[in-house]
Amino acid sequence: MAILYDVATAAVAGMMAGNEFAVAVFVHPQLRRLSDRAHAQTAALLASSLGKAMPFWYGLALVLILGATYEHRPVSHGPGTLITSAGVLWAATIVFTVTMLVPINNRIARMNPEQPYPEWLRDRARWDQLHRIRVALLVIAVLLLLAGLFGGITTPAS
């Protein structure tokens, strides 16, 4: 049962980091190529829909990572230390997101795409800069998590 929990934890956290990576590398660069009106319409829709789903997803991943930390104790050495580090980094990323990215996201989600507020493009550029930092933190957290969860797995002797 523990291995299923570890796989679920890795899947949820990995998909979350992968989604954020895709937004940074594929989605937002393409949005910048659109006309300002189309960009504003799409950005408002994405900010609104992702802004509703992401808190649950981030929270679920953190809860699963905390459970894995408990499962792989002690946290003072070995896999527990790596998983604990992933959890601390994930929690720090949530705080960073709530304090830095969410206010910008909320402004963009609430804007009228037909008449965007004057500094919306500057907000989008700032969000993208901050988002790249978030992606880096999430990737590091997932790598620590995976190293802790599966680094100690060995195959049975033949």
Protein backbone atom coordinates (compact mmCIF):
# COMPACT_ATOMS: atom_id res chain seq x y z
CA MET A 1 0.00 0.00 0.00
CA ALA A 2 2.88 2.36 0.76
CA ILE A 3 4.19 2.11 -2.79
CA LEU A 4 0.76 3.10 -4.18
CA TYR A 5 0.75 6.14 -1.90
CA ASP A 6 4.24 7.09 -3.08
CA VAL A 7 3.23 6.70 -6.72
CA ALA A 8 0.12 8.84 -6.18
CA THR A 9 2.20 11.49 -4.41
CA ALA A 10 4.78 11.53 -7.20
CA ALA A 11 2.06 11.65 -9.86
CA VAL A 12 0.13 14.54 -8.31
CA ALA A 13 3.25 16.61 -7.57
CA GLY A 14 4.87 15.74 -10.90
CA MET A 15 1.78 16.64 -12.92
CA MET A 16 1.47 19.91 -11.02
CA ALA A 17 5.07 20.86 -11.77
CA GLY A 18 4.67 19.66 -15.36
CA ASN A 19 1.56 21.76 -15.84
CA GLU A 20 3.33 24.86 -14.53
CA PHE A 21 6.32 24.11 -16.75
CA ALA A 22 4.04 23.82 -19.79
CA VAL A 23 2.41 27.16 -18.98
CA ALA A 24 5.84 28.83 -18.74
CA VAL A 25 7.42 27.24 -21.80
CA PHE A 26 4.56 26.65 -24.23
CA VAL A 27 1.33 28.45 -23.34
CA HIS A 28 2.37 31.94 -22.31
CA PRO A 29 4.99 32.45 -25.02
CA GLN A 30 2.28 31.71 -27.58
CA LEU A 31 -0.15 34.10 -25.92
CA ARG A 32 2.34 36.92 -26.44
CA ARG A 33 2.15 36.26 -30.19
CA LEU A 34 -1.60 36.98 -30.28
CA SER A 35 -3.12 40.36 -30.91
CA ASP A 36 -3.60 42.39 -27.73
CA ARG A 37 -7.35 41.78 -27.77
CA ALA A 38 -7.07 38.01 -28.25
CA HIS A 39 -4.27 37.89 -25.69
CA ALA A 40 -6.41 39.76 -23.14
CA GLN A 41 -9.41 37.50 -23.75
CA THR A 42 -7.37 34.31 -23.45
CA ALA A 43 -5.33 35.53 -20.48
CA ALA A 44 -8.48 36.47 -18.55
CA LEU A 45 -10.07 33.08 -19.22
CA LEU A 46 -6.95 31.12 -18.27
CA ALA A 47 -6.31 33.22 -15.17
CA SER A 48 -9.87 32.62 -14.02
CA SER A 49 -10.05 28.88 -14.70
CA LEU A 50 -6.56 28.00 -13.51
CA GLY A 51 -6.96 30.30 -10.53
CA LYS A 52 -9.85 28.14 -9.38
CA ALA A 53 -8.21 24.74 -9.90
CA MET A 54 -4.66 25.40 -8.76
CA PRO A 55 -5.25 26.02 -5.02
CA PHE A 56 -6.81 22.56 -4.65
CA TRP A 57 -4.04 20.92 -6.69
CA TYR A 58 -1.23 22.65 -4.78
CA GLY A 59 -2.88 21.81 -1.47
CA LEU A 60 -3.45 18.18 -2.39
CA ALA A 61 0.19 17.80 -3.43
CA LEU A 62 1.38 19.34 -0.16
CA VAL A 63 -0.87 17.08 1.93
CA LEU A 64 0.41 14.02 0.03
CA ILE A 65 4.04 15.14 0.45
CA LEU A 66 3.49 15.65 4.18
CA GLY A 67 1.98 12.17 4.39
CA ALA A 68 5.00 10.76 2.55
CA THR A 69 7.27 12.60 5.00
CA TYR A 70 5.51 10.81 7.84
CA GLU A 71 5.62 7.49 5.99
CA HIS A 72 9.37 7.74 5.31
CA ARG A 73 10.46 8.93 8.74
CA PRO A 74 12.86 9.57 10.37
CA VAL A 75 13.31 12.93 8.72
CA SER A 76 16.78 13.45 10.16
CA HIS A 77 18.50 11.30 7.54
CA GLY A 78 17.99 9.30 4.36
CA PRO A 79 14.83 9.48 2.26
CA GLY A 80 12.92 11.30 4.99
CA THR A 81 15.27 14.27 4.75
CA LEU A 82 14.78 14.55 0.99
CA ILE A 83 11.01 14.29 1.23
CA THR A 84 10.91 16.79 4.09
CA SER A 85 13.00 19.19 2.02
CA ALA A 86 10.55 18.74 -0.86
CA GLY A 87 7.66 19.51 1.48
CA VAL A 88 9.32 22.63 2.87
CA LEU A 89 10.10 23.84 -0.65
CA TRP A 90 6.54 23.07 -1.81
CA ALA A 91 5.08 24.99 1.16
CA ALA A 92 7.43 27.93 0.45
CA THR A 93 6.29 27.87 -3.18
CA ILE A 94 2.67 28.09 -2.05
CA VAL A 95 3.48 31.12 0.12
CA PHE A 96 5.40 32.68 -2.80
CA THR A 97 2.44 32.00 -5.10
CA VAL A 98 -0.17 33.45 -2.75
CA THR A 99 1.83 36.58 -1.98
CA MET A 100 3.36 37.34 -5.38
CA LEU A 101 1.45 35.65 -8.22
CA VAL A 102 -2.15 35.44 -7.01
CA PRO A 103 -2.70 39.21 -6.76
CA ILE A 104 -1.54 39.66 -10.37
CA ASN A 105 -3.56 36.66 -11.52
CA ASN A 106 -6.68 38.01 -9.84
CA ARG A 107 -6.33 41.40 -11.55
CA ILE A 108 -5.99 39.70 -14.93
CA ALA A 109 -8.90 37.31 -14.25
CA ARG A 110 -11.21 40.23 -13.32
CA MET A 111 -10.27 42.52 -16.19
CA ASN A 112 -12.65 43.33 -18.99
CA PRO A 113 -10.89 41.80 -22.03
CA GLU A 114 -12.62 44.28 -24.31
CA GLN A 115 -11.08 47.17 -22.36
CA PRO A 116 -8.12 45.83 -20.37
CA TYR A 117 -6.68 48.01 -17.62
CA PRO A 118 -3.72 50.13 -18.78
CA GLU A 119 -0.86 48.16 -17.19
CA TRP A 120 -2.14 44.65 -17.88
CA LEU A 121 0.71 43.77 -20.26
CA ARG A 122 3.22 44.87 -17.65
CA ASP A 123 1.41 42.70 -15.10
CA ARG A 124 1.54 39.74 -17.50
CA ALA A 125 5.29 40.19 -17.99
CA ARG A 126 5.83 40.41 -14.21
CA TRP A 127 3.67 37.32 -13.67
CA ASP A 128 5.73 35.42 -16.24
CA GLN A 129 8.98 36.40 -14.50
CA LEU A 130 7.69 35.30 -11.11
CA HIS A 131 6.18 32.16 -12.62
CA ARG A 132 9.60 31.08 -13.93
CA ILE A 133 10.91 31.25 -10.35
CA ARG A 134 7.94 29.19 -9.19
CA VAL A 135 8.57 26.57 -11.88
CA ALA A 136 12.21 26.26 -10.82
CA LEU A 137 11.18 25.79 -7.17
CA LEU A 138 8.58 23.17 -8.12
CA VAL A 139 11.00 21.21 -10.31
CA ILE A 140 13.56 21.14 -7.49
CA ALA A 141 10.86 20.05 -5.04
CA VAL A 142 9.70 17.24 -7.34
CA LEU A 143 13.27 16.04 -7.87
CA LEU A 144 13.85 15.96 -4.11
CA LEU A 145 10.55 14.16 -3.66
CA LEU A 146 11.36 11.55 -6.30
CA ALA A 147 14.85 11.00 -4.91
CA GLY A 148 13.38 10.45 -1.47
CA LEU A 149 10.47 8.27 -2.57
CA PHE A 150 12.20 6.06 -5.07
CA GLY A 151 15.94 6.51 -4.58
CA GLY A 152 16.12 3.74 -2.04
CA ILE A 153 14.12 1.20 -4.02
CA THR A 154 16.15 -1.83 -4.87
CA THR A 155 15.23 -4.91 -6.81
CA PRO A 156 15.07 -8.19 -4.91
CA ALA A 157 18.09 -10.45 -5.24
CA SER A 158 17.70 -13.17 -7.82
